[in-house]
Protein backbone atom coordinates (compact mmCIF):
# COMPACT_ATOMS: atom_id res chain seq x y z
CA MET A 1 -33.79 -21.87 -10.00
CA GLU A 2 -30.85 -21.54 -8.88
CA VAL A 3 -28.54 -18.60 -7.74
CA VAL A 4 -24.22 -18.80 -8.04
CA GLY A 5 -22.73 -16.03 -6.43
CA ASP A 6 -19.58 -15.21 -6.50
CA ASN A 7 -16.89 -12.10 -6.17
CA TYR A 8 -16.97 -9.85 -9.67
CA PRO A 9 -13.50 -9.55 -11.14
CA PRO A 10 -12.32 -5.76 -10.87
CA PRO A 11 -10.95 -3.88 -13.71
CA PRO A 12 -7.47 -4.74 -14.59
CA THR A 13 -5.82 -0.59 -13.90
CA LYS A 14 -7.60 -1.10 -10.58
CA ALA A 15 -6.18 -4.21 -10.23
CA PHE A 16 -2.57 -3.13 -10.55
CA ILE A 17 -3.26 0.42 -9.05
CA ALA A 18 -4.14 -1.70 -5.40
CA ARG A 19 -0.84 -4.35 -6.17
CA ILE A 20 1.08 -0.78 -6.71
CA ILE A 21 -0.64 0.14 -3.15
CA SER A 22 0.19 -3.18 -1.13
CA MET A 23 4.47 -3.20 -2.27
CA VAL A 24 4.29 0.43 -1.03
CA LYS A 25 3.30 -0.18 2.06
CA MET A 26 4.83 -3.07 2.16
CA ALA A 27 8.64 -1.02 1.99
CA LEU A 28 7.09 1.48 4.01
CA LEU A 29 6.96 -1.17 6.89
CA VAL A 30 10.38 -2.63 6.09
CA CYS A 31 11.88 0.89 6.61
CA LEU A 32 10.24 1.42 9.65
CA LEU A 33 11.30 -1.96 10.66
CA PHE A 34 14.63 -1.24 10.37
CA GLY A 35 14.57 2.22 11.71
CA GLN A 36 14.78 4.04 8.84
CA ASN A 37 12.67 7.39 8.33
CA PRO A 38 10.33 6.95 5.04
CA PHE A 39 10.14 10.26 5.02
CA ALA A 40 13.67 11.30 4.53
CA LEU A 41 13.60 8.63 1.48
CA LEU A 42 10.65 10.32 -0.37
CA ASN A 43 12.11 13.78 0.80
CA ILE A 44 8.65 14.68 2.72
CA PRO A 45 9.70 16.75 5.92
CA THR A 46 8.43 14.20 8.93
CA PRO A 47 5.39 14.55 10.79
CA ALA A 48 5.69 15.98 15.00
CA ALA A 49 3.47 12.98 15.47
CA PHE A 50 6.17 11.03 13.83
CA SER A 51 9.58 11.62 15.39
């Protein structure tokens, strides 16, 4: 008997959500690198730990 292992592909909706989260994370990193406050862009109060 031969057993071949492989990754189970995620459902398309979960793969899409994961891709969107990854893009948002990269966009926030770019904002931080260029000195932009991502919280102000999102209309969220800046946490004390960030400032």
